[in-house]
Amino acid sequence: MTPSPPARDPVRLSAAELNERIRAFWTGPGGHPAVGLTDAQREEYGRLLAALREAERGDVVEAA
């Protein structure tokens, strides 16, 4: 299953939205785990993980 492309810049998505997109990479049809990612999917996955870390850091800074 190919996750849908981001509708907007991943850095601007909330942590919950980013987490949902990251999970989509590992959930195949019928809720079964997906196997293997293409090079493009791995790159997008990496961008989403980086954006999630950034969003989480932003949440911590705002809370402090």
C-alpha atoms as a PDB file:
ATOM      1  CA  MET A   1       0.000   0.000   0.000  1.00  0.00           C
ATOM      2  CA  THR A   2       1.338   3.414  -0.890  1.00  0.00           C
ATOM      3  CA  PRO A   3       0.527   6.121   1.652  1.00  0.00           C
ATOM      4  CA  SER A   4      -1.169   9.151   0.174  1.00  0.00           C
ATOM      5  CA  PRO A   5       1.119  12.121  -0.452  1.00  0.00           C
ATOM      6  CA  PRO A   6       1.099  14.832   2.177  1.00  0.00           C
ATOM      7  CA  ALA A   7      -1.530  17.482   1.573  1.00  0.00           C
ATOM      8  CA  ARG A   8       0.744  20.109   3.101  1.00  0.00           C
ATOM      9  CA  ASP A   9       4.286  20.543   4.385  1.00  0.00           C
ATOM     10  CA  PRO A  10       4.992  17.709   6.899  1.00  0.00           C
ATOM     11  CA  VAL A  11       6.671  20.169   9.279  1.00  0.00           C
ATOM     12  CA  ARG A  12       3.347  21.978   9.659  1.00  0.00           C
ATOM     13  CA  LEU A  13       1.330  18.867  10.476  1.00  0.00           C
ATOM     14  CA  SER A  14       0.469  18.095  14.087  1.00  0.00           C
ATOM     15  CA  ALA A  15       2.279  15.265  15.850  1.00  0.00           C
ATOM     16  CA  ALA A  16      -0.933  13.198  15.678  1.00  0.00           C
ATOM     17  CA  GLU A  17      -1.235  13.736  11.904  1.00  0.00           C
ATOM     18  CA  LEU A  18       2.428  12.860  11.377  1.00  0.00           C
ATOM     19  CA  ASN A  19       2.095   9.742  13.517  1.00  0.00           C
ATOM     20  CA  GLU A  20      -0.935   8.660  11.480  1.00  0.00           C
ATOM     21  CA  ARG A  21       1.003   9.034   8.219  1.00  0.00           C
ATOM     22  CA  ILE A  22       3.992   7.160   9.647  1.00  0.00           C
ATOM     23  CA  ARG A  23       1.719   4.287  10.713  1.00  0.00           C
ATOM     24  CA  ALA A  24       0.274   4.152   7.182  1.00  0.00           C
ATOM     25  CA  PHE A  25       3.683   3.041   5.894  1.00  0.00           C
ATOM     26  CA  TRP A  26       3.488  -0.079   8.046  1.00  0.00           C
ATOM     27  CA  THR A  27      -0.182  -0.967   7.606  1.00  0.00           C
ATOM     28  CA  GLY A  28      -1.113  -2.792   4.453  1.00  0.00           C
ATOM     29  CA  PRO A  29      -4.506  -3.832   3.104  1.00  0.00           C
ATOM     30  CA  GLY A  30      -6.817  -5.325   5.697  1.00  0.00           C
ATOM     31  CA  GLY A  31      -4.711  -3.923   8.533  1.00  0.00           C
ATOM     32  CA  HIS A  32      -1.896  -6.416   7.943  1.00  0.00           C
ATOM     33  CA  PRO A  33       1.706  -5.205   8.149  1.00  0.00           C
ATOM     34  CA  ALA A  34       3.144  -3.939   4.874  1.00  0.00           C
ATOM     35  CA  VAL A  35       6.390  -5.523   3.726  1.00  0.00           C
ATOM     36  CA  GLY A  36       9.230  -3.472   2.286  1.00  0.00           C
ATOM     37  CA  LEU A  37       9.299   0.133   1.194  1.00  0.00           C
ATOM     38  CA  THR A  38      10.458   1.632  -2.064  1.00  0.00           C
ATOM     39  CA  ASP A  39      13.345   4.101  -2.015  1.00  0.00           C
ATOM     40  CA  ALA A  40      10.872   6.977  -2.392  1.00  0.00           C
ATOM     41  CA  GLN A  41       8.752   5.645   0.481  1.00  0.00           C
ATOM     42  CA  ARG A  42      11.846   5.311   2.695  1.00  0.00           C
ATOM     43  CA  GLU A  43      12.750   8.936   1.939  1.00  0.00           C
ATOM     44  CA  GLU A  44       9.227  10.141   2.745  1.00  0.00           C
ATOM     45  CA  TYR A  45       9.188   8.007   5.904  1.00  0.00           C
ATOM     46  CA  GLY A  46      12.458   9.636   6.996  1.00  0.00           C
ATOM     47  CA  ARG A  47      11.051  13.117   6.355  1.00  0.00           C
ATOM     48  CA  LEU A  48       7.931  12.292   8.354  1.00  0.00           C
ATOM     49  CA  LEU A  49      10.001  10.952  11.267  1.00  0.00           C
ATOM     50  CA  ALA A  50      12.136  14.112  11.280  1.00  0.00           C
ATOM     51  CA  ALA A  51       9.012  16.298  11.163  1.00  0.00           C
ATOM     52  CA  LEU A  52       7.485  14.305  14.033  1.00  0.00           C
ATOM     53  CA  ARG A  53      10.616  14.802  16.159  1.00  0.00           C
ATOM     54  CA  GLU A  54      10.454  18.523  15.386  1.00  0.00           C
ATOM     55  CA  ALA A  55       6.752  18.701  16.264  1.00  0.00           C
ATOM     56  CA  GLU A  56       7.345  16.829  19.524  1.00  0.00           C
ATOM     57  CA  ARG A  57      10.215  19.160  20.450  1.00  0.00           C
ATOM     58  CA  GLY A  58       7.964  22.124  19.735  1.00  0.00           C
ATOM     59  CA  ASP A  59       5.307  20.687  22.023  1.00  0.00           C
ATOM     60  CA  VAL A  60       7.850  20.269  24.823  1.00  0.00           C
ATOM     61  CA  VAL A  61       9.239  23.770  24.438  1.00  0.00           C
ATOM     62  CA  GLU A  62       5.749  25.289  24.516  1.00  0.00           C
ATOM     63  CA  ALA A  63       4.813  23.270  27.609  1.00  0.00           C
ATOM     64  CA  ALA A  64       7.965  24.291  29.483  1.00  0.00           C
END
